[in-house]
Amino acid sequence: MIEPHERTVELRNTFAFVHKWLSDKAELALTTSVGTQFTAQARLTTRGLHAGEPVIRFFQGGIEFGRAYECFWGHYYNCNRTRVGMYCRALDSEVG
């Protein structure tokens, strides 16, 4: 069974830097290394376990399918065991 924060993803930038960079853009359309198109948004979480924390939200076709918080930046799976590493990698590459 997959555990939260399992597997690592090599990223060049910190979560805080990427969140701030993305905040200035409002929303960004990206593509993963295997050609999956998605958009990313930087926000603050308003409720739940991570209430008040910065979050990067990932969407496909206008539907949210994953979130990245600082606690698992650099890991392939998030707190809910959702695979988001490839989206974090694509976003990190775009930042430069």
PDB file of N, CA and C in Angstrom:
ATOM      1  N   MET A   1       0.839  -1.189   0.000  1.00  0.00           N
ATOM      2  CA  MET A   1       0.000   0.000   0.000  1.00  0.00           C
ATOM      3  C   MET A   1       0.881   1.250   0.000  1.00  0.00           C
ATOM      4  N   ILE A   2       0.489   2.227  -0.766  1.00  0.00           N
ATOM      5  CA  ILE A   2       1.205   3.500  -0.850  1.00  0.00           C
ATOM      6  C   ILE A   2       1.007   4.276   0.450  1.00  0.00           C
ATOM      7  N   GLU A   3       2.076   4.878   0.919  1.00  0.00           N
ATOM      8  CA  GLU A   3       2.030   5.704   2.128  1.00  0.00           C
ATOM      9  C   GLU A   3       2.081   7.185   1.753  1.00  0.00           C
ATOM     10  N   PRO A   4       1.488   8.064   2.584  1.00  0.00           N
ATOM     11  CA  PRO A   4       1.604   9.504   2.333  1.00  0.00           C
ATOM     12  C   PRO A   4       3.085   9.909   2.264  1.00  0.00           C
ATOM     13  N   HIS A   5       3.409  10.803   1.385  1.00  0.00           N
ATOM     14  CA  HIS A   5       4.758  11.359   1.218  1.00  0.00           C
ATOM     15  C   HIS A   5       5.749  10.311   0.732  1.00  0.00           C
ATOM     16  N   GLU A   6       5.277   9.257   0.075  1.00  0.00           N
ATOM     17  CA  GLU A   6       6.159   8.199  -0.407  1.00  0.00           C
ATOM     18  C   GLU A   6       6.842   8.609  -1.702  1.00  0.00           C
ATOM     19  N   ARG A   7       7.990   8.036  -1.945  1.00  0.00           N
ATOM     20  CA  ARG A   7       8.845   8.265  -3.117  1.00  0.00           C
ATOM     21  C   ARG A   7       9.236   9.732  -3.248  1.00  0.00           C
ATOM     22  N   THR A   8      10.398   9.950  -3.742  1.00  0.00           N
ATOM     23  CA  THR A   8      10.892  11.317  -3.881  1.00  0.00           C
ATOM     24  C   THR A   8      10.921  11.749  -5.347  1.00  0.00           C
ATOM     25  N   VAL A   9      10.842  13.045  -5.537  1.00  0.00           N
ATOM     26  CA  VAL A   9      10.937  13.686  -6.843  1.00  0.00           C
ATOM     27  C   VAL A   9      11.984  14.778  -6.699  1.00  0.00           C
ATOM     28  N   GLU A  10      12.970  14.773  -7.592  1.00  0.00           N
ATOM     29  CA  GLU A  10      14.016  15.779  -7.523  1.00  0.00           C
ATOM     30  C   GLU A  10      13.492  17.102  -8.080  1.00  0.00           C
ATOM     31  N   LEU A  11      13.471  18.112  -7.223  1.00  0.00           N
ATOM     32  CA  LEU A  11      13.013  19.452  -7.597  1.00  0.00           C
ATOM     33  C   LEU A  11      14.108  20.452  -7.286  1.00  0.00           C
ATOM     34  N   ARG A  12      14.229  21.486  -8.098  1.00  0.00           N
ATOM     35  CA  ARG A  12      15.287  22.483  -7.916  1.00  0.00           C
ATOM     36  C   ARG A  12      14.888  23.616  -6.988  1.00  0.00           C
ATOM     37  N   ASN A  13      13.594  23.939  -6.959  1.00  0.00           N
ATOM     38  CA  ASN A  13      13.125  25.110  -6.221  1.00  0.00           C
ATOM     39  C   ASN A  13      12.360  24.712  -4.970  1.00  0.00           C
ATOM     40  N   THR A  14      12.341  25.613  -3.996  1.00  0.00           N
ATOM     41  CA  THR A  14      11.579  25.356  -2.776  1.00  0.00           C
ATOM     42  C   THR A  14      10.088  25.555  -3.043  1.00  0.00           C
ATOM     43  N   PHE A  15       9.277  24.962  -2.206  1.00  0.00           N
ATOM     44  CA  PHE A  15       7.833  25.129  -2.319  1.00  0.00           C
ATOM     45  C   PHE A  15       7.466  26.604  -2.193  1.00  0.00           C
ATOM     46  N   ALA A  16       8.047  27.297  -1.218  1.00  0.00           N
ATOM     47  CA  ALA A  16       7.718  28.708  -0.982  1.00  0.00           C
ATOM     48  C   ALA A  16       8.026  29.553  -2.220  1.00  0.00           C
ATOM     49  N   PHE A  17       9.158  29.295  -2.862  1.00  0.00           N
ATOM     50  CA  PHE A  17       9.528  30.055  -4.049  1.00  0.00           C
ATOM     51  C   PHE A  17       8.549  29.796  -5.191  1.00  0.00           C
ATOM     52  N   VAL A  18       8.224  28.521  -5.436  1.00  0.00           N
ATOM     53  CA  VAL A  18       7.310  28.168  -6.523  1.00  0.00           C
ATOM     54  C   VAL A  18       5.917  28.722  -6.251  1.00  0.00           C
ATOM     55  N   HIS A  19       5.449  28.638  -5.009  1.00  0.00           N
ATOM     56  CA  HIS A  19       4.123  29.156  -4.657  1.00  0.00           C
ATOM     57  C   HIS A  19       4.055  30.652  -4.923  1.00  0.00           C
ATOM     58  N   LYS A  20       5.074  31.392  -4.510  1.00  0.00           N
ATOM     59  CA  LYS A  20       5.103  32.844  -4.737  1.00  0.00           C
ATOM     60  C   LYS A  20       5.150  33.146  -6.232  1.00  0.00           C
ATOM     61  N   TRP A  21       5.998  32.438  -6.975  1.00  0.00           N
ATOM     62  CA  TRP A  21       6.123  32.632  -8.419  1.00  0.00           C
ATOM     63  C   TRP A  21       4.786  32.376  -9.114  1.00  0.00           C
ATOM     64  N   LEU A  22       4.117  31.295  -8.733  1.00  0.00           N
ATOM     65  CA  LEU A  22       2.837  30.952  -9.339  1.00  0.00           C
ATOM     66  C   LEU A  22       1.734  31.926  -8.907  1.00  0.00           C
ATOM     67  N   SER A  23       1.791  32.427  -7.692  1.00  0.00           N
ATOM     68  CA  SER A  23       0.803  33.407  -7.216  1.00  0.00           C
ATOM     69  C   SER A  23       0.778  34.640  -8.102  1.00  0.00           C
ATOM     70  N   ASP A  24       1.932  35.036  -8.577  1.00  0.00           N
ATOM     71  CA  ASP A  24       2.031  36.207  -9.447  1.00  0.00           C
ATOM     72  C   ASP A  24       1.423  35.964 -10.830  1.00  0.00           C
ATOM     73  N   LYS A  25       1.223  34.705 -11.190  1.00  0.00           N
ATOM     74  CA  LYS A  25       0.689  34.349 -12.509  1.00  0.00           C
ATOM     75  C   LYS A  25      -0.806  34.032 -12.491  1.00  0.00           C
ATOM     76  N   ALA A  26      -1.409  33.840 -11.339  1.00  0.00           N
ATOM     77  CA  ALA A  26      -2.824  33.481 -11.159  1.00  0.00           C
ATOM     78  C   ALA A  26      -3.078  32.023 -11.530  1.00  0.00           C
ATOM     79  N   GLU A  27      -2.862  31.645 -12.795  1.00  0.00           N
ATOM     80  CA  GLU A  27      -3.052  30.262 -13.226  1.00  0.00           C
ATOM     81  C   GLU A  27      -2.084  30.004 -14.370  1.00  0.00           C
ATOM     82  N   LEU A  28      -1.597  28.780 -14.456  1.00  0.00           N
ATOM     83  CA  LEU A  28      -0.612  28.455 -15.470  1.00  0.00           C
ATOM     84  C   LEU A  28      -0.949  27.116 -16.107  1.00  0.00           C
ATOM     85  N   ALA A  29      -0.973  27.075 -17.434  1.00  0.00           N
ATOM     86  CA  ALA A  29      -1.194  25.828 -18.173  1.00  0.00           C
ATOM     87  C   ALA A  29       0.151  25.157 -18.405  1.00  0.00           C
ATOM     88  N   LEU A  30       0.224  23.854 -18.098  1.00  0.00           N
ATOM     89  CA  LEU A  30       1.466  23.098 -18.201  1.00  0.00           C
ATOM     90  C   LEU A  30       1.203  21.728 -18.803  1.00  0.00           C
ATOM     91  N   THR A  31       2.288  21.024 -19.114  1.00  0.00           N
ATOM     92  CA  THR A  31       2.214  19.656 -19.626  1.00  0.00           C
ATOM     93  C   THR A  31       3.276  18.823 -18.931  1.00  0.00           C
ATOM     94  N   THR A  32       2.901  17.612 -18.493  1.00  0.00           N
ATOM     95  CA  THR A  32       3.865  16.712 -17.858  1.00  0.00           C
ATOM     96  C   THR A  32       4.795  16.128 -18.910  1.00  0.00           C
ATOM     97  N   SER A  33       5.791  15.396 -18.470  1.00  0.00           N
ATOM     98  CA  SER A  33       6.766  14.786 -19.382  1.00  0.00           C
ATOM     99  C   SER A  33       6.148  13.727 -20.290  1.00  0.00           C
ATOM    100  N   VAL A  34       4.967  13.212 -19.921  1.00  0.00           N
ATOM    101  CA  VAL A  34       4.297  12.219 -20.772  1.00  0.00           C
ATOM    102  C   VAL A  34       3.137  12.826 -21.555  1.00  0.00           C
ATOM    103  N   GLY A  35       3.038  14.162 -21.536  1.00  0.00           N
ATOM    104  CA  GLY A  35       2.059  14.847 -22.366  1.00  0.00           C
ATOM    105  C   GLY A  35       0.711  15.140 -21.743  1.00  0.00           C
ATOM    106  N   THR A  36       0.554  14.924 -20.452  1.00  0.00           N
ATOM    107  CA  THR A  36      -0.707  15.235 -19.776  1.00  0.00           C
ATOM    108  C   THR A  36      -0.801  16.735 -19.545  1.00  0.00           C
ATOM    109  N   GLN A  37      -1.855  17.346 -20.056  1.00  0.00           N
ATOM    110  CA  GLN A  37      -2.057  18.784 -19.872  1.00  0.00           C
ATOM    111  C   GLN A  37      -2.816  19.043 -18.574  1.00  0.00           C
ATOM    112  N   PHE A  38      -2.401  20.098 -17.876  1.00  0.00           N
ATOM    113  CA  PHE A  38      -3.043  20.470 -16.618  1.00  0.00           C
ATOM    114  C   PHE A  38      -2.805  21.943 -16.355  1.00  0.00           C
ATOM    115  N   THR A  39      -3.527  22.480 -15.385  1.00  0.00           N
ATOM    116  CA  THR A  39      -3.288  23.850 -14.935  1.00  0.00           C
ATOM    117  C   THR A  39      -2.951  23.818 -13.452  1.00  0.00           C
ATOM    118  N   ALA A  40      -2.227  24.827 -13.018  1.00  0.00           N
ATOM    119  CA  ALA A  40      -1.836  24.945 -11.615  1.00  0.00           C
ATOM    120  C   ALA A  40      -2.196  26.331 -11.108  1.00  0.00           C
ATOM    121  N   GLN A  41      -2.636  26.381  -9.850  1.00  0.00           N
ATOM    122  CA  GLN A  41      -2.981  27.639  -9.177  1.00  0.00           C
ATOM    123  C   GLN A  41      -2.369  27.644  -7.790  1.00  0.00           C
ATOM    124  N   ALA A  42      -1.899  28.787  -7.342  1.00  0.00           N
ATOM    125  CA  ALA A  42      -1.397  28.950  -5.977  1.00  0.00           C
ATOM    126  C   ALA A  42      -2.455  29.671  -5.150  1.00  0.00           C
ATOM    127  N   ARG A  43      -2.786  29.109  -4.027  1.00  0.00           N
ATOM    128  CA  ARG A  43      -3.814  29.668  -3.141  1.00  0.00           C
ATOM    129  C   ARG A  43      -3.423  29.455  -1.685  1.00  0.00           C
ATOM    130  N   LEU A  44      -4.292  29.894  -0.780  1.00  0.00           N
ATOM    131  CA  LEU A  44      -4.209  29.550   0.642  1.00  0.00           C
ATOM    132  C   LEU A  44      -5.395  28.649   0.953  1.00  0.00           C
ATOM    133  N   THR A  45      -5.139  27.591   1.701  1.00  0.00           N
ATOM    134  CA  THR A  45      -6.206  26.668   2.073  1.00  0.00           C
ATOM    135  C   THR A  45      -7.104  27.330   3.109  1.00  0.00           C
ATOM    136  N   THR A  46      -8.409  27.149   2.980  1.00  0.00           N
ATOM    137  CA  THR A  46      -9.346  27.811   3.886  1.00  0.00           C
ATOM    138  C   THR A  46      -9.923  26.894   4.961  1.00  0.00           C
ATOM    139  N   ARG A  47      -9.763  25.571   4.784  1.00  0.00           N
ATOM    140  CA  ARG A  47     -10.339  24.663   5.788  1.00  0.00           C
ATOM    141  C   ARG A  47      -9.577  23.341   5.792  1.00  0.00           C
ATOM    142  N   GLY A  48      -9.928  22.485   6.714  1.00  0.00           N
ATOM    143  CA  GLY A  48      -9.313  21.169   6.787  1.00  0.00           C
ATOM    144  C   GLY A  48      -8.009  21.155   7.555  1.00  0.00           C
ATOM    145  N   LEU A  49      -7.322  20.038   7.460  1.00  0.00           N
ATOM    146  CA  LEU A  49      -6.076  19.813   8.190  1.00  0.00           C
ATOM    147  C   LEU A  49      -5.015  20.866   7.888  1.00  0.00           C
ATOM    148  N   HIS A  50      -4.990  21.368   6.684  1.00  0.00           N
ATOM    149  CA  HIS A  50      -3.982  22.341   6.265  1.00  0.00           C
ATOM    150  C   HIS A  50      -4.529  23.771   6.202  1.00  0.00           C
ATOM    151  N   ALA A  51      -5.588  24.075   6.915  1.00  0.00           N
ATOM    152  CA  ALA A  51      -6.215  25.405   6.876  1.00  0.00           C
ATOM    153  C   ALA A  51      -5.188  26.508   7.123  1.00  0.00           C
ATOM    154  N   GLY A  52      -5.223  27.508   6.250  1.00  0.00           N
ATOM    155  CA  GLY A  52      -4.337  28.650   6.369  1.00  0.00           C
ATOM    156  C   GLY A  52      -2.975  28.472   5.717  1.00  0.00           C
ATOM    157  N   GLU A  53      -2.694  27.288   5.219  1.00  0.00           N
ATOM    158  CA  GLU A  53      -1.398  27.020   4.602  1.00  0.00           C
ATOM    159  C   GLU A  53      -1.430  27.312   3.097  1.00  0.00           C
ATOM    160  N   PRO A  54      -0.279  27.682   2.534  1.00  0.00           N
ATOM    161  CA  PRO A  54      -0.190  27.824   1.082  1.00  0.00           C
ATOM    162  C   PRO A  54      -0.389  26.457   0.418  1.00  0.00           C
ATOM    163  N   VAL A  55      -1.036  26.450  -0.728  1.00  0.00           N
ATOM    164  CA  VAL A  55      -1.284  25.218  -1.468  1.00  0.00           C
ATOM    165  C   VAL A  55      -1.164  25.500  -2.952  1.00  0.00           C
ATOM    166  N   ILE A  56      -0.692  24.513  -3.686  1.00  0.00           N
ATOM    167  CA  ILE A  56      -0.708  24.569  -5.144  1.00  0.00           C
ATOM    168  C   ILE A  56      -1.708  23.521  -5.595  1.00  0.00           C
ATOM    169  N   ARG A  57      -2.722  23.980  -6.330  1.00  0.00           N
ATOM    170  CA  ARG A  57      -3.809  23.095  -6.773  1.00  0.00           C
ATOM    171  C   ARG A  57      -3.615  22.747  -8.236  1.00  0.00           C
ATOM    172  N   PHE A  58      -3.852  21.474  -8.573  1.00  0.00           N
ATOM    173  CA  PHE A  58      -3.701  20.979  -9.929  1.00  0.00           C
ATOM    174  C   PHE A  58      -5.061  20.602 -10.491  1.00  0.00           C
ATOM    175  N   PHE A  59      -5.320  21.022 -11.740  1.00  0.00           N
ATOM    176  CA  PHE A  59      -6.608  20.800 -12.400  1.00  0.00           C
ATOM    177  C   PHE A  59      -6.399  20.150 -13.760  1.00  0.00           C
ATOM    178  N   GLN A  60      -7.336  19.292 -14.126  1.00  0.00           N
ATOM    179  CA  GLN A  60      -7.434  18.774 -15.487  1.00  0.00           C
ATOM    180  C   GLN A  60      -8.861  18.979 -15.935  1.00  0.00           C
ATOM    181  N   GLY A  61      -9.039  19.634 -17.067  1.00  0.00           N
ATOM    182  CA  GLY A  61     -10.380  19.885 -17.568  1.00  0.00           C
ATOM    183  C   GLY A  61     -11.251  20.657 -16.600  1.00  0.00           C
ATOM    184  N   GLY A  62     -10.649  21.545 -15.820  1.00  0.00           N
ATOM    185  CA  GLY A  62     -11.391  22.359 -14.868  1.00  0.00           C
ATOM    186  C   GLY A  62     -11.736  21.660 -13.564  1.00  0.00           C
ATOM    187  N   ILE A  63     -11.331  20.409 -13.396  1.00  0.00           N
ATOM    188  CA  ILE A  63     -11.630  19.640 -12.176  1.00  0.00           C
ATOM    189  C   ILE A  63     -10.347  19.456 -11.373  1.00  0.00           C
ATOM    190  N   GLU A  64     -10.397  19.825 -10.092  1.00  0.00           N
ATOM    191  CA  GLU A  64      -9.234  19.648  -9.233  1.00  0.00           C
ATOM    192  C   GLU A  64      -9.010  18.159  -8.993  1.00  0.00           C
ATOM    193  N   PHE A  65      -7.755  17.728  -9.161  1.00  0.00           N
ATOM    194  CA  PHE A  65      -7.446  16.322  -8.940  1.00  0.00           C
ATOM    195  C   PHE A  65      -6.297  16.122  -7.977  1.00  0.00           C
ATOM    196  N   GLY A  66      -5.630  17.183  -7.553  1.00  0.00           N
ATOM    197  CA  GLY A  66      -4.536  17.033  -6.606  1.00  0.00           C
ATOM    198  C   GLY A  66      -4.096  18.368  -6.037  1.00  0.00           C
ATOM    199  N   ARG A  67      -3.398  18.264  -4.901  1.00  0.00           N
ATOM    200  CA  ARG A  67      -2.885  19.451  -4.221  1.00  0.00           C
ATOM    201  C   ARG A  67      -1.475  19.190  -3.732  1.00  0.00           C
ATOM    202  N   ALA A  68      -0.687  20.246  -3.711  1.00  0.00           N
ATOM    203  CA  ALA A  68       0.670  20.167  -3.172  1.00  0.00           C
ATOM    204  C   ALA A  68       0.789  21.146  -2.016  1.00  0.00           C
ATOM    205  N   TYR A  69       1.244  20.631  -0.883  1.00  0.00           N
ATOM    206  CA  TYR A  69       1.551  21.446   0.291  1.00  0.00           C
ATOM    207  C   TYR A  69       3.058  21.358   0.548  1.00  0.00           C
ATOM    208  N   GLU A  70       3.578  22.267   1.314  1.00  0.00           N
ATOM    209  CA  GLU A  70       5.005  22.287   1.592  1.00  0.00           C
ATOM    210  C   GLU A  70       5.489  20.993   2.246  1.00  0.00           C
ATOM    211  N   CYS A  71       4.646  20.352   3.043  1.00  0.00           N
ATOM    212  CA  CYS A  71       5.064  19.167   3.796  1.00  0.00           C
ATOM    213  C   CYS A  71       5.464  17.997   2.914  1.00  0.00           C
ATOM    214  N   PHE A  72       5.033  17.949   1.682  1.00  0.00           N
ATOM    215  CA  PHE A  72       5.453  16.840   0.831  1.00  0.00           C
ATOM    216  C   PHE A  72       6.065  17.292  -0.482  1.00  0.00           C
ATOM    217  N   TRP A  73       6.416  18.554  -0.580  1.00  0.00           N
ATOM    218  CA  TRP A  73       7.112  19.039  -1.772  1.00  0.00           C
ATOM    219  C   TRP A  73       8.386  18.210  -1.919  1.00  0.00           C
ATOM    220  N   GLY A  74       8.588  17.625  -3.069  1.00  0.00           N
ATOM    221  CA  GLY A  74       9.740  16.753  -3.280  1.00  0.00           C
ATOM    222  C   GLY A  74       9.406  15.280  -3.125  1.00  0.00           C
ATOM    223  N   HIS A  75       8.127  14.986  -2.883  1.00  0.00           N
ATOM    224  CA  HIS A  75       7.666  13.601  -2.805  1.00  0.00           C
ATOM    225  C   HIS A  75       6.660  13.345  -3.918  1.00  0.00           C
ATOM    226  N   TYR A  76       6.570  12.095  -4.342  1.00  0.00           N
ATOM    227  CA  TYR A  76       5.694  11.748  -5.452  1.00  0.00           C
ATOM    228  C   TYR A  76       4.221  11.702  -5.040  1.00  0.00           C
ATOM    229  N   TYR A  77       3.951  11.270  -3.813  1.00  0.00           N
ATOM    230  CA  TYR A  77       2.575  11.156  -3.312  1.00  0.00           C
ATOM    231  C   TYR A  77       2.323  12.207  -2.234  1.00  0.00           C
ATOM    232  N   ASN A  78       1.113  12.780  -2.244  1.00  0.00           N
ATOM    233  CA  ASN A  78       0.773  13.786  -1.234  1.00  0.00           C
ATOM    234  C   ASN A  78       0.204  13.136   0.027  1.00  0.00           C
ATOM    235  N   CYS A  79      -0.334  13.944   0.914  1.00  0.00           N
ATOM    236  CA  CYS A  79      -0.879  13.462   2.193  1.00  0.00           C
ATOM    237  C   CYS A  79      -2.029  12.477   2.006  1.00  0.00           C
ATOM    238  N   ASN A  80      -2.757  12.610   0.904  1.00  0.00           N
ATOM    239  CA  ASN A  80      -3.906  11.735   0.626  1.00  0.00           C
ATOM    240  C   ASN A  80      -3.546  10.572  -0.295  1.00  0.00           C
ATOM    241  N   ARG A  81      -2.240  10.351  -0.488  1.00  0.00           N
ATOM    242  CA  ARG A  81      -1.738   9.278  -1.356  1.00  0.00           C
ATOM    243  C   ARG A  81      -2.071   9.498  -2.839  1.00  0.00           C
ATOM    244  N   THR A  82      -2.292  10.755  -3.217  1.00  0.00           N
ATOM    245  CA  THR A  82      -2.551  11.100  -4.618  1.00  0.00           C
ATOM    246  C   THR A  82      -1.211  11.326  -5.312  1.00  0.00           C
ATOM    247  N   ARG A  83      -1.051  10.769  -6.503  1.00  0.00           N
ATOM    248  CA  ARG A  83       0.186  10.956  -7.269  1.00  0.00           C
ATOM    249  C   ARG A  83       0.208  12.378  -7.840  1.00  0.00           C
ATOM    250  N   VAL A  84       1.126  13.178  -7.372  1.00  0.00           N
ATOM    251  CA  VAL A  84       1.251  14.549  -7.869  1.00  0.00           C
ATOM    252  C   VAL A  84       2.688  14.920  -8.224  1.00  0.00           C
ATOM    253  N   GLY A  85       3.607  14.007  -8.044  1.00  0.00           N
ATOM    254  CA  GLY A  85       5.018  14.297  -8.293  1.00  0.00           C
ATOM    255  C   GLY A  85       5.311  14.772  -9.692  1.00  0.00           C
ATOM    256  N   MET A  86       4.650  14.179 -10.702  1.00  0.00           N
ATOM    257  CA  MET A  86       4.901  14.570 -12.084  1.00  0.00           C
ATOM    258  C   MET A  86       4.409  15.979 -12.369  1.00  0.00           C
ATOM    259  N   TYR A  87       3.366  16.415 -11.660  1.00  0.00           N
ATOM    260  CA  TYR A  87       2.857  17.775 -11.825  1.00  0.00           C
ATOM    261  C   TYR A  87       3.780  18.768 -11.125  1.00  0.00           C
ATOM    262  N   CYS A  88       4.274  18.384  -9.950  1.00  0.00           N
ATOM    263  CA  CYS A  88       5.247  19.229  -9.242  1.00  0.00           C
ATOM    264  C   CYS A  88       6.507  19.390 -10.082  1.00  0.00           C
ATOM    265  N   ARG A  89       6.965  18.303 -10.715  1.00  0.00           N
ATOM    266  CA  ARG A  89       8.159  18.337 -11.549  1.00  0.00           C
ATOM    267  C   ARG A  89       7.962  19.270 -12.750  1.00  0.00           C
ATOM    268  N   ALA A  90       6.821  19.180 -13.411  1.00  0.00           N
ATOM    269  CA  ALA A  90       6.546  20.039 -14.565  1.00  0.00           C
ATOM    270  C   ALA A  90       6.503  21.516 -14.144  1.00  0.00           C
ATOM    271  N   LEU A  91       5.876  21.792 -13.024  1.00  0.00           N
ATOM    272  CA  LEU A  91       5.803  23.167 -12.526  1.00  0.00           C
ATOM    273  C   LEU A  91       7.188  23.673 -12.135  1.00  0.00           C
ATOM    274  N   ASP A  92       7.950  22.862 -11.426  1.00  0.00           N
ATOM    275  CA  ASP A  92       9.296  23.235 -11.008  1.00  0.00           C
ATOM    276  C   ASP A  92      10.179  23.530 -12.216  1.00  0.00           C
ATOM    277  N   SER A  93      10.050  22.740 -13.285  1.00  0.00           N
ATOM    278  CA  SER A  93      10.819  22.976 -14.508  1.00  0.00           C
ATOM    279  C   SER A  93      10.446  24.282 -15.179  1.00  0.00           C
ATOM    280  N   GLU A  94       9.184  24.626 -15.130  1.00  0.00           N
ATOM    281  CA  GLU A  94       8.714  25.886 -15.735  1.00  0.00           C
ATOM    282  C   GLU A  94       9.281  27.096 -15.013  1.00  0.00           C
ATOM    283  N   VAL A  95       9.410  26.986 -13.691  1.00  0.00           N
ATOM    284  CA  VAL A  95       9.963  28.085 -12.898  1.00  0.00           C
ATOM    285  C   VAL A  95      11.412  28.335 -13.293  1.00  0.00           C
ATOM    286  N   GLY A  96      12.138  27.254 -13.572  1.00  0.00           N
ATOM    287  CA  GLY A  96      13.534  27.376 -14.007  1.00  0.00           C
ATOM    288  C   GLY A  96      14.530  27.232 -12.917  1.00  0.00           C
TER     289      GLY A  96
END
